[in-house]
PDB file of N, CA and C in Angstrom:
ATOM      1  N   MET A   1     146.245  60.911  30.918  1.00  0.00           N
ATOM      2  CA  MET A   1     145.629  61.742  29.899  1.00  0.00           C
ATOM      3  C   MET A   1     145.459  60.715  28.728  1.00  0.00           C
ATOM      4  N   LEU A   2     144.183  60.855  28.127  1.00  0.00           N
ATOM      5  CA  LEU A   2     143.761  59.952  27.101  1.00  0.00           C
ATOM      6  C   LEU A   2     144.310  60.352  25.719  1.00  0.00           C
ATOM      7  N   SER A   3     144.807  59.457  25.003  1.00  0.00           N
ATOM      8  CA  SER A   3     145.322  59.739  23.686  1.00  0.00           C
ATOM      9  C   SER A   3     144.148  59.990  22.736  1.00  0.00           C
ATOM     10  N   ARG A   4     144.529  60.657  21.605  1.00  0.00           N
ATOM     11  CA  ARG A   4     143.506  60.887  20.573  1.00  0.00           C
ATOM     12  C   ARG A   4     142.862  59.624  20.174  1.00  0.00           C
ATOM     13  N   CYS A   5     143.694  58.496  19.915  1.00  0.00           N
ATOM     14  CA  CYS A   5     143.134  57.285  19.411  1.00  0.00           C
ATOM     15  C   CYS A   5     142.020  56.738  20.467  1.00  0.00           C
ATOM     16  N   ASP A   6     142.364  56.826  21.776  1.00  0.00           N
ATOM     17  CA  ASP A   6     141.481  56.346  22.787  1.00  0.00           C
ATOM     18  C   ASP A   6     140.130  57.052  22.770  1.00  0.00           C
ATOM     19  N   LEU A   7     140.189  58.385  22.514  1.00  0.00           N
ATOM     20  CA  LEU A   7     139.027  59.228  22.419  1.00  0.00           C
ATOM     21  C   LEU A   7     138.241  58.911  21.113  1.00  0.00           C
ATOM     22  N   ILE A   8     138.852  58.655  20.012  1.00  0.00           N
ATOM     23  CA  ILE A   8     138.125  58.188  18.902  1.00  0.00           C
ATOM     24  C   ILE A   8     137.411  56.772  19.117  1.00  0.00           C
ATOM     25  N   LYS A   9     138.133  55.866  19.743  1.00  0.00           N
ATOM     26  CA  LYS A   9     137.609  54.569  19.952  1.00  0.00           C
ATOM     27  C   LYS A   9     136.425  54.768  20.879  1.00  0.00           C
ATOM     28  N   GLY A  10     136.489  55.473  21.982  1.00  0.00           N
ATOM     29  CA  GLY A  10     135.446  55.640  22.895  1.00  0.00           C
ATOM     30  C   GLY A  10     134.175  56.435  22.312  1.00  0.00           C
ATOM     31  N   ALA A  11     134.416  57.336  21.312  1.00  0.00           N
ATOM     32  CA  ALA A  11     133.259  57.935  20.660  1.00  0.00           C
ATOM     33  C   ALA A  11     132.651  56.936  19.678  1.00  0.00           C
ATOM     34  N   ALA A  12     133.466  56.144  19.058  1.00  0.00           N
ATOM     35  CA  ALA A  12     132.892  55.145  18.150  1.00  0.00           C
ATOM     36  C   ALA A  12     132.025  54.164  18.889  1.00  0.00           C
ATOM     37  N   VAL A  13     132.440  53.642  20.010  1.00  0.00           N
ATOM     38  CA  VAL A  13     131.757  52.783  20.896  1.00  0.00           C
ATOM     39  C   VAL A  13     130.468  53.348  21.353  1.00  0.00           C
ATOM     40  N   ALA A  14     130.533  54.585  21.769  1.00  0.00           N
ATOM     41  CA  ALA A  14     129.246  55.474  22.266  1.00  0.00           C
ATOM     42  C   ALA A  14     128.221  55.560  21.115  1.00  0.00           C
ATOM     43  N   LEU A  15     128.734  55.828  19.859  1.00  0.00           N
ATOM     44  CA  LEU A  15     127.911  56.054  18.755  1.00  0.00           C
ATOM     45  C   LEU A  15     127.227  54.734  18.435  1.00  0.00           C
ATOM     46  N   LEU A  16     127.950  53.654  18.459  1.00  0.00           N
ATOM     47  CA  LEU A  16     127.468  52.437  18.046  1.00  0.00           C
ATOM     48  C   LEU A  16     126.317  51.924  19.077  1.00  0.00           C
ATOM     49  N   THR A  17     126.622  52.108  20.451  1.00  0.00           N
ATOM     50  CA  THR A  17     125.654  51.796  21.409  1.00  0.00           C
ATOM     51  C   THR A  17     124.359  52.546  21.182  1.00  0.00           C
ATOM     52  N   LEU A  18     124.383  53.870  20.914  1.00  0.00           N
ATOM     53  CA  LEU A  18     123.291  54.773  20.843  1.00  0.00           C
ATOM     54  C   LEU A  18     122.490  54.393  19.474  1.00  0.00           C
ATOM     55  N   SER A  19     123.152  53.973  18.453  1.00  0.00           N
ATOM     56  CA  SER A  19     122.373  53.563  17.134  1.00  0.00           C
ATOM     57  C   SER A  19     121.807  52.261  17.371  1.00  0.00           C
ATOM     58  N   ILE A  20     122.369  51.321  18.047  1.00  0.00           N
ATOM     59  CA  ILE A  20     121.707  50.037  18.401  1.00  0.00           C
ATOM     60  C   ILE A  20     120.542  50.178  19.315  1.00  0.00           C
ATOM     61  N   GLN A  21     120.568  51.079  20.339  1.00  0.00           N
ATOM     62  CA  GLN A  21     119.584  51.300  21.161  1.00  0.00           C
ATOM     63  C   GLN A  21     118.347  52.062  20.417  1.00  0.00           C
ATOM     64  N   GLY A  22     118.715  52.954  19.508  1.00  0.00           N
ATOM     65  CA  GLY A  22     117.790  53.574  18.711  1.00  0.00           C
ATOM     66  C   GLY A  22     116.916  52.712  17.810  1.00  0.00           C
ATOM     67  N   ALA A  23     117.839  51.834  17.074  1.00  0.00           N
ATOM     68  CA  ALA A  23     117.081  50.775  16.283  1.00  0.00           C
ATOM     69  C   ALA A  23     116.251  49.982  17.032  1.00  0.00           C
ATOM     70  N   TRP A  24     116.652  49.468  18.240  1.00  0.00           N
ATOM     71  CA  TRP A  24     115.856  48.600  19.093  1.00  0.00           C
ATOM     72  C   TRP A  24     114.557  49.270  19.338  1.00  0.00           C
ATOM     73  N   ALA A  25     114.659  50.646  19.846  1.00  0.00           N
ATOM     74  CA  ALA A  25     113.422  51.416  20.182  1.00  0.00           C
ATOM     75  C   ALA A  25     112.515  51.460  19.025  1.00  0.00           C
ATOM     76  N   GLN A  26     112.976  51.662  17.845  1.00  0.00           N
ATOM     77  CA  GLN A  26     112.065  51.815  16.704  1.00  0.00           C
ATOM     78  C   GLN A  26     111.538  50.462  16.360  1.00  0.00           C
ATOM     79  N   GLU A  27     112.220  49.296  16.453  1.00  0.00           N
ATOM     80  CA  GLU A  27     111.545  48.027  16.206  1.00  0.00           C
ATOM     81  C   GLU A  27     110.481  47.727  17.162  1.00  0.00           C
ATOM     82  N   THR A  28     110.579  48.112  18.419  1.00  0.00           N
ATOM     83  CA  THR A  28     109.621  47.814  19.354  1.00  0.00           C
ATOM     84  C   THR A  28     108.672  48.878  19.761  1.00  0.00           C
ATOM     85  N   LYS A  29     108.485  49.944  18.939  1.00  0.00           N
ATOM     86  CA  LYS A  29     107.753  51.015  19.129  1.00  0.00           C
ATOM     87  C   LYS A  29     106.288  50.605  19.284  1.00  0.00           C
ATOM     88  N   VAL A  30     105.665  51.006  20.289  1.00  0.00           N
ATOM     89  CA  VAL A  30     104.208  50.770  20.698  1.00  0.00           C
ATOM     90  C   VAL A  30     103.432  52.126  20.508  1.00  0.00           C
ATOM     91  N   ASN A  31     102.428  52.208  19.844  1.00  0.00           N
ATOM     92  CA  ASN A  31     101.512  53.505  19.900  1.00  0.00           C
ATOM     93  C   ASN A  31     100.386  53.082  20.844  1.00  0.00           C
ATOM     94  N   LEU A  32     100.100  54.049  21.772  1.00  0.00           N
ATOM     95  CA  LEU A  32      99.085  53.973  22.695  1.00  0.00           C
ATOM     96  C   LEU A  32      97.852  54.744  22.289  1.00  0.00           C
ATOM     97  N   PHE A  33      96.742  54.196  22.606  1.00  0.00           N
ATOM     98  CA  PHE A  33      95.399  54.698  22.294  1.00  0.00           C
ATOM     99  C   PHE A  33      94.511  54.626  23.469  1.00  0.00           C
ATOM    100  N   LYS A  34      93.628  55.738  23.590  1.00  0.00           N
ATOM    101  CA  LYS A  34      92.705  55.602  24.749  1.00  0.00           C
ATOM    102  C   LYS A  34      91.306  55.239  24.020  1.00  0.00           C
ATOM    103  N   ILE A  35      90.813  54.295  24.619  1.00  0.00           N
ATOM    104  CA  ILE A  35      89.471  53.760  24.082  1.00  0.00           C
ATOM    105  C   ILE A  35      88.488  54.209  25.214  1.00  0.00           C
ATOM    106  N   ILE A  36      87.416  55.094  24.683  1.00  0.00           N
ATOM    107  CA  ILE A  36      86.293  55.555  25.617  1.00  0.00           C
ATOM    108  C   ILE A  36      85.171  54.687  25.403  1.00  0.00           C
ATOM    109  N   THR A  37      84.707  54.148  26.489  1.00  0.00           N
ATOM    110  CA  THR A  37      83.569  53.246  26.460  1.00  0.00           C
ATOM    111  C   THR A  37      82.418  53.802  27.133  1.00  0.00           C
ATOM    112  N   ILE A  38      81.435  53.205  27.205  1.00  0.00           N
ATOM    113  CA  ILE A  38      80.108  53.657  27.995  1.00  0.00           C
ATOM    114  C   ILE A  38      80.432  53.765  29.447  1.00  0.00           C
ATOM    115  N   LYS A  39      81.225  52.905  29.958  1.00  0.00           N
ATOM    116  CA  LYS A  39      81.531  52.794  31.382  1.00  0.00           C
ATOM    117  C   LYS A  39      82.792  53.439  31.867  1.00  0.00           C
ATOM    118  N   ASP A  40      83.906  53.462  30.944  1.00  0.00           N
ATOM    119  CA  ASP A  40      85.069  53.828  31.461  1.00  0.00           C
ATOM    120  C   ASP A  40      86.053  54.188  30.199  1.00  0.00           C
ATOM    121  N   GLU A  41      87.313  54.475  30.495  1.00  0.00           N
ATOM    122  CA  GLU A  41      88.315  54.585  29.551  1.00  0.00           C
ATOM    123  C   GLU A  41      89.496  53.739  29.829  1.00  0.00           C
ATOM    124  N   ILE A  42      90.091  53.084  28.765  1.00  0.00           N
ATOM    125  CA  ILE A  42      91.225  52.240  29.049  1.00  0.00           C
ATOM    126  C   ILE A  42      92.298  52.668  27.838  1.00  0.00           C
ATOM    127  N   ILE A  43      93.482  52.374  28.252  1.00  0.00           N
ATOM    128  CA  ILE A  43      94.649  52.710  27.370  1.00  0.00           C
ATOM    129  C   ILE A  43      95.065  51.285  26.803  1.00  0.00           C
ATOM    130  N   VAL A  44      95.355  51.343  25.454  1.00  0.00           N
ATOM    131  CA  VAL A  44      95.680  50.040  24.735  1.00  0.00           C
ATOM    132  C   VAL A  44      96.929  50.365  23.950  1.00  0.00           C
ATOM    133  N   GLY A  45      97.814  49.422  23.653  1.00  0.00           N
ATOM    134  CA  GLY A  45      98.917  49.579  22.809  1.00  0.00           C
ATOM    135  C   GLY A  45      98.970  48.736  21.737  1.00  0.00           C
ATOM    136  N   LEU A  46      99.350  49.212  20.537  1.00  0.00           N
ATOM    137  CA  LEU A  46      99.515  48.447  19.345  1.00  0.00           C
ATOM    138  C   LEU A  46     100.859  48.701  18.582  1.00  0.00           C
ATOM    139  N   SER A  47     101.550  47.604  18.344  1.00  0.00           N
ATOM    140  CA  SER A  47     102.781  47.810  17.587  1.00  0.00           C
ATOM    141  C   SER A  47     102.679  48.357  16.125  1.00  0.00           C
ATOM    142  N   ALA A  48     103.682  48.623  15.514  1.00  0.00           N
ATOM    143  CA  ALA A  48     103.535  49.083  14.172  1.00  0.00           C
ATOM    144  C   ALA A  48     103.027  48.087  13.275  1.00  0.00           C
ATOM    145  N   GLU A  49     103.486  46.796  13.392  1.00  0.00           N
ATOM    146  CA  GLU A  49     102.924  45.721  12.668  1.00  0.00           C
ATOM    147  C   GLU A  49     101.472  45.541  12.842  1.00  0.00           C
ATOM    148  N   GLU A  50     100.990  45.544  14.064  1.00  0.00           N
ATOM    149  CA  GLU A  50      99.500  45.458  14.473  1.00  0.00           C
ATOM    150  C   GLU A  50      98.691  46.434  13.671  1.00  0.00           C
ATOM    151  N   LEU A  51      99.266  47.685  13.816  1.00  0.00           N
ATOM    152  CA  LEU A  51      98.510  48.722  13.180  1.00  0.00           C
ATOM    153  C   LEU A  51      98.445  48.586  11.594  1.00  0.00           C
ATOM    154  N   GLN A  52      99.566  48.099  10.947  1.00  0.00           N
ATOM    155  CA  GLN A  52      99.547  48.017   9.534  1.00  0.00           C
ATOM    156  C   GLN A  52      98.591  46.932   9.181  1.00  0.00           C
ATOM    157  N   SER A  53      98.545  45.907   9.990  1.00  0.00           N
ATOM    158  CA  SER A  53      97.515  44.772   9.690  1.00  0.00           C
ATOM    159  C   SER A  53      95.955  45.264   9.879  1.00  0.00           C
ATOM    160  N   LEU A  54      95.895  46.441  10.500  1.00  0.00           N
ATOM    161  CA  LEU A  54      94.465  46.922  10.625  1.00  0.00           C
ATOM    162  C   LEU A  54      94.242  48.003   9.480  1.00  0.00           C
ATOM    163  N   GLY A  55      95.264  48.237   8.779  1.00  0.00           N
ATOM    164  CA  GLY A  55      95.157  49.069   7.523  1.00  0.00           C
ATOM    165  C   GLY A  55      95.509  50.502   7.836  1.00  0.00           C
ATOM    166  N   GLY A  56      96.320  50.907   8.853  1.00  0.00           N
ATOM    167  CA  GLY A  56      96.749  52.219   9.026  1.00  0.00           C
ATOM    168  C   GLY A  56      97.638  52.319  10.175  1.00  0.00           C
ATOM    169  N   ASN A  57      97.948  53.615  10.691  1.00  0.00           N
ATOM    170  CA  ASN A  57      98.827  53.804  11.727  1.00  0.00           C
ATOM    171  C   ASN A  57      98.324  54.793  12.779  1.00  0.00           C
ATOM    172  N   ASP A  58      96.977  55.094  12.749  1.00  0.00           N
ATOM    173  CA  ASP A  58      96.585  56.129  13.611  1.00  0.00           C
ATOM    174  C   ASP A  58      95.098  55.651  14.270  1.00  0.00           C
ATOM    175  N   ALA A  59      94.557  56.548  15.065  1.00  0.00           N
ATOM    176  CA  ALA A  59      93.385  56.190  15.850  1.00  0.00           C
ATOM    177  C   ALA A  59      92.240  55.783  14.850  1.00  0.00           C
ATOM    178  N   SER A  60      92.144  56.439  13.733  1.00  0.00           N
ATOM    179  CA  SER A  60      91.098  56.164  12.688  1.00  0.00           C
ATOM    180  C   SER A  60      91.140  54.862  12.291  1.00  0.00           C
ATOM    181  N   ALA A  61      92.344  54.277  12.042  1.00  0.00           N
ATOM    182  CA  ALA A  61      92.557  52.857  11.605  1.00  0.00           C
ATOM    183  C   ALA A  61      91.964  51.857  12.508  1.00  0.00           C
ATOM    184  N   VAL A  62      92.225  52.192  13.855  1.00  0.00           N
ATOM    185  CA  VAL A  62      91.808  51.309  14.938  1.00  0.00           C
ATOM    186  C   VAL A  62      90.365  51.377  14.997  1.00  0.00           C
ATOM    187  N   ALA A  63      89.804  52.638  14.966  1.00  0.00           N
ATOM    188  CA  ALA A  63      88.259  52.692  15.007  1.00  0.00           C
ATOM    189  C   ALA A  63      87.602  51.939  13.818  1.00  0.00           C
ATOM    190  N   HIS A  64      88.041  52.134  12.626  1.00  0.00           N
ATOM    191  CA  HIS A  64      87.551  51.402  11.522  1.00  0.00           C
ATOM    192  C   HIS A  64      87.705  49.909  11.657  1.00  0.00           C
ATOM    193  N   ALA A  65      88.859  49.487  11.974  1.00  0.00           N
ATOM    194  CA  ALA A  65      88.953  48.107  12.163  1.00  0.00           C
ATOM    195  C   ALA A  65      87.952  47.520  13.213  1.00  0.00           C
ATOM    196  N   LEU A  66      87.855  48.198  14.303  1.00  0.00           N
ATOM    197  CA  LEU A  66      86.853  47.751  15.362  1.00  0.00           C
ATOM    198  C   LEU A  66      85.453  47.631  14.776  1.00  0.00           C
ATOM    199  N   ALA A  67      85.072  48.707  14.054  1.00  0.00           N
ATOM    200  CA  ALA A  67      83.744  48.788  13.497  1.00  0.00           C
ATOM    201  C   ALA A  67      83.566  47.690  12.458  1.00  0.00           C
ATOM    202  N   LYS A  68      84.430  47.496  11.687  1.00  0.00           N
ATOM    203  CA  LYS A  68      84.395  46.561  10.594  1.00  0.00           C
ATOM    204  C   LYS A  68      84.352  45.070  11.213  1.00  0.00           C
ATOM    205  N   LYS A  69      85.226  44.704  11.945  1.00  0.00           N
ATOM    206  CA  LYS A  69      85.414  43.406  12.605  1.00  0.00           C
ATOM    207  C   LYS A  69      84.385  43.149  13.710  1.00  0.00           C
ATOM    208  N   GLY A  70      84.092  44.185  14.418  1.00  0.00           N
ATOM    209  CA  GLY A  70      83.198  44.035  15.632  1.00  0.00           C
ATOM    210  C   GLY A  70      83.863  43.846  16.918  1.00  0.00           C
ATOM    211  N   ASP A  71      85.147  43.352  16.797  1.00  0.00           N
ATOM    212  CA  ASP A  71      85.865  43.097  18.040  1.00  0.00           C
ATOM    213  C   ASP A  71      87.325  42.991  17.582  1.00  0.00           C
ATOM    214  N   LEU A  72      88.095  43.380  18.522  1.00  0.00           N
ATOM    215  CA  LEU A  72      89.729  43.456  18.404  1.00  0.00           C
ATOM    216  C   LEU A  72      90.224  42.766  19.709  1.00  0.00           C
ATOM    217  N   THR A  73      91.375  42.187  19.536  1.00  0.00           N
ATOM    218  CA  THR A  73      92.188  41.707  20.854  1.00  0.00           C
ATOM    219  C   THR A  73      93.464  42.543  20.857  1.00  0.00           C
ATOM    220  N   VAL A  74      93.528  43.234  21.891  1.00  0.00           N
ATOM    221  CA  VAL A  74      94.776  44.152  22.052  1.00  0.00           C
ATOM    222  C   VAL A  74      95.317  44.005  23.555  1.00  0.00           C
ATOM    223  N   TRP A  75      96.498  44.634  23.740  1.00  0.00           N
ATOM    224  CA  TRP A  75      97.151  44.752  25.045  1.00  0.00           C
ATOM    225  C   TRP A  75      96.663  45.818  25.812  1.00  0.00           C
ATOM    226  N   GLN A  76      96.127  45.934  26.948  1.00  0.00           N
ATOM    227  CA  GLN A  76      95.878  46.978  27.767  1.00  0.00           C
ATOM    228  C   GLN A  76      97.162  47.386  28.573  1.00  0.00           C
ATOM    229  N   TYR A  77      97.277  48.670  28.630  1.00  0.00           N
ATOM    230  CA  TYR A  77      98.448  49.315  29.330  1.00  0.00           C
ATOM    231  C   TYR A  77      98.018  50.101  30.473  1.00  0.00           C
ATOM    232  N   ASN A  78      98.986  50.007  31.613  1.00  0.00           N
ATOM    233  CA  ASN A  78      98.771  50.837  32.811  1.00  0.00           C
ATOM    234  C   ASN A  78     100.223  51.351  33.240  1.00  0.00           C
ATOM    235  N   VAL A  79     100.183  52.177  34.187  1.00  0.00           N
ATOM    236  CA  VAL A  79     101.390  52.705  34.569  1.00  0.00           C
ATOM    237  C   VAL A  79     101.830  51.855  35.868  1.00  0.00           C
ATOM    238  N   HIS A  80     103.133  51.373  35.760  1.00  0.00           N
ATOM    239  CA  HIS A  80     103.680  50.630  36.754  1.00  0.00           C
ATOM    240  C   HIS A  80     105.108  51.155  36.973  1.00  0.00           C
ATOM    241  N   ARG A  81     105.631  50.633  38.150  1.00  0.00           N
ATOM    242  CA  ARG A  81     107.179  50.910  38.461  1.00  0.00           C
ATOM    243  C   ARG A  81     108.073  49.870  37.847  1.00  0.00           C
ATOM    244  N   GLY A  82     108.969  50.283  36.961  1.00  0.00           N
ATOM    245  CA  GLY A  82     110.019  49.421  36.428  1.00  0.00           C
ATOM    246  C   GLY A  82     110.909  48.878  37.470  1.00  0.00           C
ATOM    247  N   PRO A  83     111.817  47.947  36.944  1.00  0.00           N
ATOM    248  CA  PRO A  83     112.740  47.348  37.859  1.00  0.00           C
ATOM    249  C   PRO A  83     113.707  48.369  38.506  1.00  0.00           C
ATOM    250  N   ASN A  84     113.964  49.567  37.898  1.00  0.00           N
ATOM    251  CA  ASN A  84     114.847  50.621  38.484  1.00  0.00           C
ATOM    252  C   ASN A  84     113.988  51.684  39.304  1.00  0.00           C
ATOM    253  N   GLY A  85     112.705  51.415  39.419  1.00  0.00           N
ATOM    254  CA  GLY A  85     111.815  52.331  40.227  1.00  0.00           C
ATOM    255  C   GLY A  85     111.194  53.242  39.368  1.00  0.00           C
ATOM    256  N   GLU A  86     111.579  53.467  38.203  1.00  0.00           N
ATOM    257  CA  GLU A  86     110.954  54.558  37.322  1.00  0.00           C
ATOM    258  C   GLU A  86     109.494  54.217  36.933  1.00  0.00           C
ATOM    259  N   LEU A  87     108.594  55.187  36.718  1.00  0.00           N
ATOM    260  CA  LEU A  87     107.373  54.833  36.349  1.00  0.00           C
ATOM    261  C   LEU A  87     107.369  54.494  34.788  1.00  0.00           C
ATOM    262  N   GLN A  88     106.713  53.668  34.373  1.00  0.00           N
ATOM    263  CA  GLN A  88     106.697  53.302  32.946  1.00  0.00           C
ATOM    264  C   GLN A  88     105.148  52.843  32.522  1.00  0.00           C
ATOM    265  N   GLN A  89     104.861  52.950  31.365  1.00  0.00           N
ATOM    266  CA  GLN A  89     103.577  52.538  30.746  1.00  0.00           C
ATOM    267  C   GLN A  89     103.789  51.201  30.226  1.00  0.00           C
ATOM    268  N   ALA A  90     103.270  50.023  31.013  1.00  0.00           N
ATOM    269  CA  ALA A  90     103.531  48.638  30.583  1.00  0.00           C
ATOM    270  C   ALA A  90     102.224  47.884  30.341  1.00  0.00           C
ATOM    271  N   PRO A  91     102.411  46.900  29.517  1.00  0.00           N
ATOM    272  CA  PRO A  91     101.152  46.013  29.251  1.00  0.00           C
ATOM    273  C   PRO A  91     100.823  45.166  30.492  1.00  0.00           C
ATOM    274  N   THR A  92      99.526  45.076  30.806  1.00  0.00           N
ATOM    275  CA  THR A  92      99.125  44.401  31.916  1.00  0.00           C
ATOM    276  C   THR A  92      98.160  43.187  31.521  1.00  0.00           C
ATOM    277  N   ALA A  93      97.463  43.288  30.492  1.00  0.00           N
ATOM    278  CA  ALA A  93      96.504  42.132  30.114  1.00  0.00           C
ATOM    279  C   ALA A  93      96.234  42.284  28.668  1.00  0.00           C
ATOM    280  N   ARG A  94      95.901  41.038  28.139  1.00  0.00           N
ATOM    281  CA  ARG A  94      95.471  40.969  26.656  1.00  0.00           C
ATOM    282  C   ARG A  94      93.945  40.989  26.766  1.00  0.00           C
ATOM    283  N   ILE A  95      93.351  41.952  26.208  1.00  0.00           N
ATOM    284  CA  ILE A  95      91.921  42.114  26.557  1.00  0.00           C
ATOM    285  C   ILE A  95      91.163  42.163  24.957  1.00  0.00           C
ATOM    286  N   GLY A  96      89.787  41.898  25.013  1.00  0.00           N
ATOM    287  CA  GLY A  96      89.078  41.963  23.850  1.00  0.00           C
ATOM    288  C   GLY A  96      88.210  43.234  23.779  1.00  0.00           C
ATOM    289  N   LEU A  97      88.215  43.983  22.801  1.00  0.00           N
ATOM    290  CA  LEU A  97      87.399  45.201  22.601  1.00  0.00           C
ATOM    291  C   LEU A  97      86.051  44.838  21.739  1.00  0.00           C
ATOM    292  N   LEU A  98      84.889  45.341  22.183  1.00  0.00           N
ATOM    293  CA  LEU A  98      83.761  45.069  21.485  1.00  0.00           C
ATOM    294  C   LEU A  98      83.275  46.486  20.806  1.00  0.00           C
ATOM    295  N   ALA A  99      82.924  46.412  19.518  1.00  0.00           N
ATOM    296  CA  ALA A  99      82.553  47.683  18.818  1.00  0.00           C
ATOM    297  C   ALA A  99      81.423  48.248  19.425  1.00  0.00           C
ATOM    298  N   ASN A 100      80.413  47.576  19.889  1.00  0.00           N
ATOM    299  CA  ASN A 100      79.111  48.217  20.456  1.00  0.00           C
ATOM    300  C   ASN A 100      79.376  48.861  21.728  1.00  0.00           C
ATOM    301  N   ALA A 101      80.414  48.664  22.406  1.00  0.00           N
ATOM    302  CA  ALA A 101      80.580  49.136  23.773  1.00  0.00           C
ATOM    303  C   ALA A 101      81.645  50.285  23.601  1.00  0.00           C
ATOM    304  N   SER A 102      82.359  50.484  22.532  1.00  0.00           N
ATOM    305  CA  SER A 102      83.338  51.541  22.356  1.00  0.00           C
ATOM    306  C   SER A 102      82.840  52.716  21.612  1.00  0.00           C
ATOM    307  N   LEU A 103      82.914  53.786  22.227  1.00  0.00           N
ATOM    308  CA  LEU A 103      82.403  55.149  21.560  1.00  0.00           C
ATOM    309  C   LEU A 103      83.506  55.964  20.835  1.00  0.00           C
ATOM    310  N   ARG A 104      84.612  55.866  21.331  1.00  0.00           N
ATOM    311  CA  ARG A 104      85.801  56.702  20.706  1.00  0.00           C
ATOM    312  C   ARG A 104      87.037  56.148  20.766  1.00  0.00           C
ATOM    313  N   VAL A 105      88.062  56.291  19.837  1.00  0.00           N
ATOM    314  CA  VAL A 105      89.326  55.883  19.920  1.00  0.00           C
ATOM    315  C   VAL A 105      90.142  57.152  19.681  1.00  0.00           C
ATOM    316  N   GLU A 106      91.076  57.497  20.601  1.00  0.00           N
ATOM    317  CA  GLU A 106      91.957  58.599  20.597  1.00  0.00           C
ATOM    318  C   GLU A 106      93.326  58.221  20.707  1.00  0.00           C
ATOM    319  N   PRO A 107      94.295  58.919  20.048  1.00  0.00           N
ATOM    320  CA  PRO A 107      95.723  58.871  20.483  1.00  0.00           C
ATOM    321  C   PRO A 107      95.974  59.086  21.814  1.00  0.00           C
ATOM    322  N   TYR A 108      96.963  58.473  22.431  1.00  0.00           N
ATOM    323  CA  TYR A 108      97.376  58.631  23.854  1.00  0.00           C
ATOM    324  C   TYR A 108      98.742  58.960  24.126  1.00  0.00           C
ATOM    325  N   ALA A 109      99.139  60.167  24.663  1.00  0.00           N
ATOM    326  CA  ALA A 109     100.450  60.491  24.892  1.00  0.00           C
ATOM    327  C   ALA A 109     100.811  60.157  26.413  1.00  0.00           C
ATOM    328  N   THR A 110     101.881  59.711  26.658  1.00  0.00           N
ATOM    329  CA  THR A 110     102.424  59.441  27.953  1.00  0.00           C
ATOM    330  C   THR A 110     103.760  60.074  28.305  1.00  0.00           C
ATOM    331  N   PRO A 111     103.987  60.638  29.423  1.00  0.00           N
ATOM    332  CA  PRO A 111     105.399  61.042  29.686  1.00  0.00           C
ATOM    333  C   PRO A 111     106.355  59.919  30.115  1.00  0.00           C
ATOM    334  N   TYR A 112     105.722  58.643  30.170  1.00  0.00           N
ATOM    335  CA  TYR A 112     106.545  57.611  30.806  1.00  0.00           C
ATOM    336  C   TYR A 112     107.062  56.730  29.500  1.00  0.00           C
ATOM    337  N   GLN A 113     108.177  55.955  29.937  1.00  0.00           N
ATOM    338  CA  GLN A 113     108.664  55.110  28.867  1.00  0.00           C
ATOM    339  C   GLN A 113     107.634  54.065  28.685  1.00  0.00           C
ATOM    340  N   ILE A 114     107.450  53.665  27.347  1.00  0.00           N
ATOM    341  CA  ILE A 114     106.475  52.599  27.013  1.00  0.00           C
ATOM    342  C   ILE A 114     107.146  51.227  26.828  1.00  0.00           C
ATOM    343  N   VAL A 115     106.646  50.177  27.543  1.00  0.00           N
ATOM    344  CA  VAL A 115     107.325  48.979  27.459  1.00  0.00           C
ATOM    345  C   VAL A 115     106.530  48.138  26.464  1.00  0.00           C
ATOM    346  N   PRO A 116     107.315  47.429  25.475  1.00  0.00           N
ATOM    347  CA  PRO A 116     106.606  46.870  24.365  1.00  0.00           C
ATOM    348  C   PRO A 116     106.014  45.507  24.962  1.00  0.00           C
ATOM    349  N   HIS A 117     104.780  45.128  24.218  1.00  0.00           N
ATOM    350  CA  HIS A 117     104.149  44.035  24.706  1.00  0.00           C
ATOM    351  C   HIS A 117     104.802  42.709  23.850  1.00  0.00           C
ATOM    352  N   PRO A 118     104.486  41.554  24.476  1.00  0.00           N
ATOM    353  CA  PRO A 118     105.018  40.434  24.048  1.00  0.00           C
ATOM    354  C   PRO A 118     104.513  39.971  22.613  1.00  0.00           C
TER     355      PRO A 118
END
């Protein structure tokens, strides 16, 4: 039987582990956006820092930055299997977006875990 002290220690370790994981997830949070072009649709990911450098944190900021600058370099995301076999949304290539080929920028939601880009 576990003593009360052991239970408290175990709860403290579990709480610390969850808080560290939560902080890591917030630091590496990636927002996904669907870019609709003349030919196709692609999913791209931007970190919170990248979005702030564009002047916002939503699809509108991405669209405005793309229109203003004429091009953006971003990470393209696709669904892949992770090391444990689970499906996840992961970065696959660093790509350039051109304003004249992009028609619309939308937020993109995924049921999969999002892997942060380097």
